[in-house]
Amino acid sequence: MTTRKDNKKNATKASGDAKTSDAQAIKPTSHKPQEPIEKPVTVFPIVGIGASAGGLAAFEAFFSGMPTDTDPDMAFVLVQHLAPDHSSILTDLIQRYTRMKVYQVENGMQVQPNCAYIIPPNRDMALLNGTLQLLMPFAPRGQRLPIDFFFRSLAQDQHERAIGIILSGTGSDGTSGARAIKAEGGIVMAQDTESTEFNGMPCSIIATGLVDYVMSPAEMPAQLIKYVKHAFSKRPALINTTVVPPQAILNQIFVLLRGQTGHDFSLYKPKTIYRRIERRMAVQQIDNIDLYLRFLQRNPAEVNALFADLLIGVTNFFRDPDAFMALEKQIIPTLFLEKPLSTTIRIWSPGCSSGEEAYSIAILVQEYLELTQQSYQVQIFAT
């Protein structure tokens, strides 16, 4: 029997957010402690950068493009595919090209702005309450996805201040984690395929349609700084004020979306709409929603980009608890009321994103059948 008590394990497996026992955590070492930052910045974006084959040249190009006279007021966490017994040279390499402090991560290290952090060999790494946690890898070599693992924790911990960058590499590591970053309102950048030594990872993430900027590593820092300055300035956010976009302008945006994509967003949750529009305005560095409407009218590609952002799947097991409580107490019992045991009960879960909703319904049905000691054939269709 699968119950909601088991759901934590199921949700972990389904979401790919693997957990590791406390025994696997790496104890802090006795290395020199991290030096304090002289310029305090209380809230700042954290940039996760993933690479595998060809990553050294890409990292070098990226940090060579960083400004030499100013601080970016963000932190950078580098995740590279390394053999378990291979010492990383990234710390020494990156330090040659940046004014920031560069550290190889020790367990529990607090992330500070204007610093770069390098994952050590043979470790998975996650972000928890702004600290970097190191874990022994649980997956066999060749099946590890350390970039996905870190990106998901980055998204969960930093939400809209999470930024993911995918550089040169083989395979598709980082694609799933990038989806998580986008779902939380962050942004994603990818190295253009012309400048990569190995284009597997950039091609995989670009193919999702969720990448905000595609460019060479040397061009990324300037664009990143522009985005951060625009997105996290002290101007009030649409969703945090009583001044929301005029309905007339929203209606025109809905008309453009429906005309180009065939989808009507006019009945979507307003806060979701505002948040996604505001994020696209930040990506394009547009401050005024009237100007953004004109930009949409002139750029069909931006209509598609807004459409893709609006459709980003945000889901988890038993999301919207009140709705699932009503389903459990009021709906499911009526499905079986006065039905012969030969009846096949069919349930359809439309728009269920990655499937957690359908599995949540299955768990509720199974619990009901075990509680009532009944045996029906049940089919659940998820689209």
Protein backbone atom coordinates (compact mmCIF):
# COMPACT_ATOMS: atom_id res chain seq x y z
CA MET A 1 0.00 0.00 0.00
CA THR A 2 1.29 3.46 -0.90
CA THR A 3 0.18 6.19 1.47
CA ARG A 4 0.87 9.83 1.95
CA LYS A 5 3.38 8.78 4.60
CA ASP A 6 5.34 7.20 1.77
CA ASN A 7 4.76 10.23 -0.39
CA LYS A 8 7.88 12.05 0.70
CA LYS A 9 9.93 9.24 -0.81
CA ASN A 10 7.74 9.10 -3.92
CA ALA A 11 7.86 12.84 -4.41
CA THR A 12 11.63 12.81 -4.06
CA LYS A 13 11.98 10.13 -6.72
CA ALA A 14 9.40 11.66 -9.06
CA SER A 15 10.91 15.14 -8.88
CA GLY A 16 14.45 13.86 -9.16
CA ASP A 17 15.40 15.74 -6.03
CA ALA A 18 17.37 12.94 -4.44
CA LYS A 19 18.03 13.05 -0.75
CA THR A 20 20.92 11.54 1.13
CA SER A 21 21.11 10.40 4.74
CA ASP A 22 22.81 12.51 7.37
CA ALA A 23 25.57 9.96 7.51
CA GLN A 24 26.53 10.90 3.98
CA ALA A 25 27.11 14.56 4.75
CA ILE A 26 30.76 15.53 4.70
CA LYS A 27 32.16 16.87 7.92
CA PRO A 28 33.77 20.30 7.79
CA THR A 29 37.53 20.20 7.28
CA SER A 30 40.12 22.23 9.11
CA HIS A 31 41.06 24.41 6.15
CA LYS A 32 41.50 28.15 6.51
CA PRO A 33 38.08 29.70 7.20
CA GLN A 34 36.42 31.86 4.60
CA GLU A 35 37.37 35.52 4.91
CA PRO A 36 34.58 38.01 5.63
CA ILE A 37 33.27 40.20 2.85
CA GLU A 38 34.09 43.87 3.35
CA LYS A 39 31.14 45.15 1.28
CA PRO A 40 27.94 43.72 2.80
CA VAL A 41 25.13 42.84 0.40
CA THR A 42 22.19 41.33 2.24
CA VAL A 43 20.23 40.02 -0.74
CA PHE A 44 21.87 39.00 -3.98
CA PRO A 45 21.43 36.57 -6.88
CA ILE A 46 23.30 33.28 -6.92
CA VAL A 47 24.52 32.05 -10.30
CA GLY A 48 24.99 28.32 -10.84
CA ILE A 49 27.30 27.46 -13.74
CA GLY A 50 27.48 23.90 -15.07
CA ALA A 51 29.92 22.39 -17.56
CA SER A 52 31.56 19.10 -18.40
CA ALA A 53 33.81 18.38 -21.40
CA GLY A 54 35.39 21.57 -22.72
CA GLY A 55 34.36 23.37 -19.58
CA LEU A 56 37.76 24.74 -18.61
CA ALA A 57 38.01 26.94 -21.70
CA ALA A 58 34.40 28.09 -21.25
CA PHE A 59 34.93 28.96 -17.57
CA GLU A 60 38.09 30.86 -18.50
CA ALA A 61 36.27 32.84 -21.18
CA PHE A 62 33.37 33.61 -18.83
CA PHE A 63 35.49 35.02 -16.01
CA SER A 64 37.74 36.85 -18.45
CA GLY A 65 34.61 38.80 -19.40
CA MET A 66 33.90 39.93 -15.84
CA PRO A 67 34.49 43.62 -15.06
CA THR A 68 37.89 44.38 -13.56
CA ASP A 69 36.95 47.60 -11.78
CA THR A 70 33.58 46.83 -10.14
CA ASP A 71 31.97 44.03 -8.16
CA PRO A 72 29.00 42.21 -9.70
CA ASP A 73 27.19 41.90 -6.33
CA MET A 74 26.25 38.29 -6.99
CA ALA A 75 27.78 34.91 -6.18
CA PHE A 76 28.92 32.21 -8.59
CA VAL A 77 28.87 28.46 -7.92
CA LEU A 78 30.67 26.26 -10.45
CA VAL A 79 29.69 22.63 -10.96
CA GLN A 80 31.94 20.63 -13.27
CA HIS A 81 31.92 16.94 -14.14
CA LEU A 82 35.05 15.49 -12.55
CA ALA A 83 36.43 11.98 -12.17
CA PRO A 84 36.26 10.92 -8.48
CA ASP A 85 40.07 10.83 -8.17
CA HIS A 86 40.72 13.93 -10.31
CA SER A 87 41.82 17.09 -8.53
CA SER A 88 40.14 20.23 -9.80
CA ILE A 89 42.37 23.00 -11.12
CA LEU A 90 39.45 25.38 -11.46
CA THR A 91 40.15 27.29 -8.25
CA ASP A 92 43.62 28.35 -9.37
CA LEU A 93 42.47 28.90 -12.97
CA ILE A 94 39.51 31.13 -12.13
CA GLN A 95 41.47 33.19 -9.62
CA ARG A 96 43.74 34.38 -12.44
CA TYR A 97 40.82 35.99 -14.24
CA THR A 98 38.71 37.61 -11.54
CA ARG A 99 39.00 40.12 -8.72
CA MET A 100 36.57 38.01 -6.68
CA LYS A 101 37.63 35.58 -3.98
CA VAL A 102 37.58 31.98 -5.23
CA TYR A 103 37.07 28.97 -2.95
CA GLN A 104 36.90 25.23 -3.30
CA VAL A 105 33.74 24.44 -1.37
CA GLU A 106 33.87 23.05 2.14
CA ASN A 107 30.75 21.61 3.71
CA GLY A 108 28.47 24.22 5.26
CA MET A 109 30.20 27.18 3.62
CA GLN A 110 28.03 30.32 3.60
CA VAL A 111 27.61 31.81 0.13
CA GLN A 112 28.70 35.43 -0.03
CA PRO A 113 28.40 37.96 -2.86
CA ASN A 114 31.41 38.71 -5.06
CA CYS A 115 32.80 35.24 -4.51
CA ALA A 116 33.13 32.14 -6.69
CA TYR A 117 32.75 28.62 -5.30
CA ILE A 118 34.09 25.45 -6.95
CA ILE A 119 32.64 21.99 -6.34
CA PRO A 120 35.29 19.52 -5.07
CA PRO A 121 35.84 16.14 -6.77
CA ASN A 122 33.57 13.17 -5.96
CA ARG A 123 30.87 15.22 -4.28
CA ASP A 124 27.31 16.26 -4.99
CA MET A 125 26.46 19.75 -3.83
CA ALA A 126 23.24 21.49 -2.80
CA LEU A 127 22.24 24.91 -1.50
CA LEU A 128 20.34 25.09 1.78
CA ASN A 129 19.46 28.42 3.42
CA GLY A 130 22.32 30.07 1.57
CA THR A 131 24.90 27.47 2.59
CA LEU A 132 26.62 24.90 0.39
CA GLN A 133 26.13 21.33 1.52
CA LEU A 134 28.37 18.52 0.24
CA LEU A 135 27.16 14.94 -0.05
CA MET A 136 28.71 11.69 -1.18
CA PRO A 137 27.32 10.77 -4.62
CA PHE A 138 24.62 8.11 -4.47
CA ALA A 139 24.37 7.37 -8.21
CA PRO A 140 26.91 5.16 -9.99
CA ARG A 141 29.61 6.87 -11.98
CA GLY A 142 28.33 7.65 -15.45
CA GLN A 143 24.78 8.16 -14.17
CA ARG A 144 25.38 11.16 -11.94
CA LEU A 145 23.75 14.46 -12.78
CA PRO A 146 25.46 16.88 -10.37
CA ILE A 147 24.41 20.01 -12.30
CA ASP A 148 20.72 19.05 -12.18
CA PHE A 149 21.09 18.24 -8.51
CA PHE A 150 22.58 21.63 -7.68
CA PHE A 151 20.28 23.63 -9.96
CA ARG A 152 17.16 22.14 -8.34
CA SER A 153 18.40 23.05 -4.85
CA LEU A 154 19.37 26.51 -6.11
CA ALA A 155 15.84 27.05 -7.43
CA GLN A 156 14.21 25.83 -4.22
CA ASP A 157 16.48 27.94 -2.03
CA GLN A 158 16.72 31.20 -3.99
CA HIS A 159 13.53 31.26 -6.12
CA GLU A 160 13.58 34.26 -8.49
CA ARG A 161 17.19 35.04 -7.52
CA ALA A 162 18.38 31.74 -8.97
CA ILE A 163 20.28 31.97 -12.25
CA GLY A 164 21.46 28.93 -14.18
CA ILE A 165 24.14 28.88 -16.87
CA ILE A 166 25.00 25.88 -19.03
CA LEU A 167 28.38 25.82 -20.76
CA SER A 168 30.18 23.30 -22.96
CA GLY A 169 29.57 19.63 -22.21
CA THR A 170 28.22 16.31 -23.40
CA GLY A 171 24.89 14.79 -22.43
CA SER A 172 21.90 16.62 -20.98
CA ASP A 173 22.89 17.34 -17.37
CA GLY A 174 21.43 20.70 -16.32
CA THR A 175 18.28 20.57 -18.44
CA SER A 176 16.00 19.28 -15.68
CA GLY A 177 17.51 21.66 -13.15
CA ALA A 178 17.05 24.58 -15.52
CA ARG A 179 13.32 23.80 -15.68
CA ALA A 180 13.20 24.07 -11.89
CA ILE A 181 14.95 27.45 -12.00
CA LYS A 182 12.50 28.77 -14.58
CA ALA A 183 9.54 27.46 -12.58
CA GLU A 184 10.69 29.53 -9.60
CA GLY A 185 11.02 32.71 -11.67
CA GLY A 186 14.78 32.63 -12.27
CA ILE A 187 16.53 32.87 -15.62
CA VAL A 188 18.66 30.52 -17.71
CA MET A 189 21.58 31.21 -20.03
CA ALA A 190 23.30 28.81 -22.42
CA GLN A 191 26.51 28.88 -24.38
CA ASP A 192 25.94 29.25 -28.11
CA THR A 193 26.86 26.10 -30.01
CA GLU A 194 29.35 27.85 -32.28
CA SER A 195 31.67 28.62 -29.36
CA THR A 196 31.42 25.23 -27.63
CA GLU A 197 33.92 22.40 -27.80
CA PHE A 198 31.09 19.97 -27.00
CA ASN A 199 27.53 21.12 -27.64
CA GLY A 200 25.45 18.32 -26.07
CA MET A 201 24.47 20.13 -22.88
CA PRO A 202 23.81 23.53 -24.50
CA CYS A 203 21.80 21.91 -27.33
CA SER A 204 19.70 19.94 -24.83
CA ILE A 205 18.69 22.99 -22.82
CA ILE A 206 18.22 25.27 -25.85
CA ALA A 207 15.83 22.70 -27.35
CA THR A 208 13.47 23.18 -24.37
CA GLY A 209 12.71 26.74 -25.49
CA LEU A 210 13.25 27.96 -21.92
CA VAL A 211 16.64 29.66 -22.36
CA ASP A 212 16.56 33.42 -21.92
CA TYR A 213 19.97 34.22 -23.40
CA VAL A 214 22.14 32.23 -25.83
CA MET A 215 25.63 33.67 -26.30
CA SER A 216 29.34 33.01 -25.94
CA PRO A 217 30.77 32.76 -22.41
CA ALA A 218 32.75 35.99 -22.86
CA GLU A 219 29.53 37.91 -23.59
CA MET A 220 27.57 36.47 -20.66
CA PRO A 221 28.90 38.60 -17.76
CA ALA A 222 27.88 41.93 -19.32
CA GLN A 223 24.38 40.65 -20.12
CA LEU A 224 24.08 39.06 -16.68
CA ILE A 225 25.01 42.31 -14.92
CA LYS A 226 22.49 44.25 -17.00
CA TYR A 227 19.74 41.77 -16.15
CA VAL A 228 20.52 41.72 -12.42
CA LYS A 229 20.68 45.52 -12.25
CA HIS A 230 17.29 45.78 -13.94
CA ALA A 231 15.52 42.86 -12.26
CA PHE A 232 16.66 43.49 -8.68
CA SER A 233 16.74 47.26 -8.52
CA LYS A 234 14.60 48.91 -5.86
CA ARG A 235 11.74 49.68 -8.23
CA PRO A 236 8.46 48.15 -6.93
CA ALA A 237 7.37 44.86 -8.45
CA LEU A 238 3.98 44.62 -10.12
CA ILE A 239 2.84 41.85 -7.82
CA ASN A 240 3.89 43.64 -4.63
CA THR A 241 1.95 46.87 -5.18
CA THR A 242 -1.61 47.95 -5.65
CA VAL A 243 -0.60 49.41 -9.03
CA VAL A 244 -1.15 46.52 -11.40
CA PRO A 245 -1.07 46.64 -15.19
CA PRO A 246 -4.22 48.26 -16.65
CA GLN A 247 -6.70 45.60 -17.69
CA ALA A 248 -6.87 47.13 -21.17
CA ILE A 249 -3.15 46.48 -21.69
CA LEU A 250 -3.41 42.97 -20.27
CA ASN A 251 -6.30 42.26 -22.63
CA GLN A 252 -4.18 43.37 -25.57
CA ILE A 253 -1.39 41.06 -24.44
CA PHE A 254 -3.91 38.22 -24.18
CA VAL A 255 -5.10 39.00 -27.71
CA LEU A 256 -1.54 38.80 -29.03
CA LEU A 257 -0.95 35.50 -27.22
CA ARG A 258 -4.20 33.98 -28.42
CA GLY A 259 -3.70 35.17 -31.98
CA GLN A 260 -0.21 33.72 -32.25
CA THR A 261 -0.46 30.59 -30.08
CA GLY A 262 -4.19 29.81 -29.97
CA HIS A 263 -4.17 29.85 -26.16
CA ASP A 264 -6.36 32.13 -24.04
CA PHE A 265 -4.71 33.27 -20.78
CA SER A 266 -7.38 35.78 -19.77
CA LEU A 267 -8.66 33.57 -16.93
CA TYR A 268 -5.27 32.63 -15.51
CA LYS A 269 -4.36 33.65 -11.96
CA PRO A 270 -3.52 37.38 -12.10
CA LYS A 271 -0.41 37.10 -9.91
CA THR A 272 1.00 34.40 -12.15
CA ILE A 273 0.40 36.58 -15.20
CA TYR A 274 1.99 39.65 -13.57
CA ARG A 275 5.01 37.67 -12.39
CA ARG A 276 5.71 36.14 -15.80
CA ILE A 277 5.23 39.42 -17.65
CA GLU A 278 7.49 41.21 -15.20
CA ARG A 279 10.18 38.55 -15.62
CA ARG A 280 10.06 38.90 -19.42
CA MET A 281 10.27 42.70 -19.05
CA ALA A 282 13.40 42.24 -16.92
CA VAL A 283 14.95 39.92 -19.49
CA GLN A 284 14.36 42.54 -22.19
CA GLN A 285 15.30 45.43 -19.84
CA ILE A 286 11.96 47.19 -20.40
CA ASP A 287 10.60 49.23 -17.47
CA ASN A 288 7.20 50.25 -18.82
CA ILE A 289 4.43 47.77 -19.62
CA ASP A 290 3.15 50.02 -22.42
CA LEU A 291 6.57 49.75 -24.05
CA TYR A 292 6.56 46.01 -23.47
CA LEU A 293 3.20 45.73 -25.26
CA ARG A 294 4.68 47.56 -28.26
CA PHE A 295 7.72 45.29 -28.11
CA LEU A 296 5.42 42.25 -28.23
CA GLN A 297 3.60 43.68 -31.22
CA ARG A 298 6.85 44.13 -33.13
CA ASN A 299 8.52 40.87 -32.06
CA PRO A 300 6.60 37.61 -32.56
CA ALA A 301 9.54 35.74 -31.01
CA GLU A 302 8.90 37.55 -27.71
CA VAL A 303 5.24 36.48 -27.81
CA ASN A 304 6.46 32.89 -28.05
CA ALA A 305 8.92 33.48 -25.20
CA LEU A 306 6.17 34.88 -22.95
CA PHE A 307 3.93 31.98 -23.94
CA ALA A 308 6.65 29.50 -22.94
CA ASP A 309 7.15 31.22 -19.59
CA LEU A 310 3.42 31.17 -18.85
CA LEU A 311 3.33 27.42 -19.47
CA ILE A 312 6.23 26.51 -17.20
CA GLY A 313 5.05 23.60 -15.07
CA VAL A 314 4.92 24.26 -11.33
CA THR A 315 3.83 21.16 -9.49
CA ASN A 316 4.39 18.87 -6.52
CA PHE A 317 2.61 16.11 -4.68
CA PHE A 318 -0.69 17.19 -3.08
CA ARG A 319 -0.32 20.77 -4.31
CA ASP A 320 -3.28 22.93 -3.21
CA PRO A 321 -4.04 20.90 -0.03
CA ASP A 322 -7.61 22.22 0.34
CA ALA A 323 -8.51 20.93 -3.11
CA PHE A 324 -7.08 17.50 -2.37
CA MET A 325 -8.89 17.42 0.98
CA ALA A 326 -12.19 18.09 -0.83
CA LEU A 327 -11.32 15.43 -3.39
CA GLU A 328 -10.61 12.90 -0.63
CA LYS A 329 -13.66 13.63 1.53
CA GLN A 330 -16.34 14.66 -0.96
CA ILE A 331 -15.52 13.39 -4.44
CA ILE A 332 -13.76 10.03 -4.27
CA PRO A 333 -16.41 8.29 -2.08
CA THR A 334 -19.14 9.27 -4.57
CA LEU A 335 -17.22 7.67 -7.44
CA PHE A 336 -17.73 4.24 -5.90
CA LEU A 337 -21.22 4.80 -4.45
CA GLU A 338 -23.59 1.96 -5.41
CA LYS A 339 -21.21 0.79 -8.13
CA PRO A 340 -20.92 -2.99 -8.73
CA LEU A 341 -17.46 -4.43 -8.21
CA SER A 342 -17.27 -5.18 -11.92
CA THR A 343 -17.30 -1.43 -12.69
CA THR A 344 -14.14 0.21 -14.01
CA ILE A 345 -13.64 3.63 -12.47
CA ARG A 346 -11.91 6.05 -14.82
CA ILE A 347 -10.33 9.34 -13.70
CA TRP A 348 -8.78 11.95 -15.96
CA SER A 349 -6.14 14.39 -14.71
CA PRO A 350 -5.72 17.07 -17.42
CA GLY A 351 -2.87 19.57 -17.41
CA CYS A 352 -0.95 17.63 -14.79
CA SER A 353 2.55 18.88 -15.71
CA SER A 354 5.10 16.21 -14.76
CA GLY A 355 2.65 13.81 -13.15
CA GLU A 356 2.63 14.48 -9.41
CA GLU A 357 -1.07 15.35 -9.51
CA ALA A 358 -2.03 12.03 -11.12
CA TYR A 359 0.02 10.08 -8.59
CA SER A 360 -1.52 12.08 -5.73
CA ILE A 361 -4.99 11.12 -6.96
CA ALA A 362 -3.89 7.48 -7.24
CA ILE A 363 -2.68 7.53 -3.64
CA LEU A 364 -6.02 8.92 -2.40
CA VAL A 365 -7.98 6.30 -4.35
CA GLN A 366 -5.77 3.49 -3.06
CA GLU A 367 -6.18 4.69 0.51
CA TYR A 368 -9.97 4.81 0.10
CA LEU A 369 -10.12 1.28 -1.34
CA GLU A 370 -7.99 -0.13 1.46
CA LEU A 371 -10.01 1.73 4.08
CA THR A 372 -13.33 0.41 2.72
CA GLN A 373 -11.84 -3.02 1.88
CA GLN A 374 -13.16 -2.81 -1.68
CA SER A 375 -11.59 -3.96 -4.90
CA TYR A 376 -12.35 -2.02 -8.08
CA GLN A 377 -10.54 -1.69 -11.35
CA VAL A 378 -9.34 1.94 -11.49
CA GLN A 379 -7.78 3.69 -14.46
CA ILE A 380 -6.20 7.12 -14.20
CA PHE A 381 -5.44 9.04 -17.38
CA ALA A 382 -2.94 11.88 -17.15
CA THR A 383 -2.35 14.46 -19.86
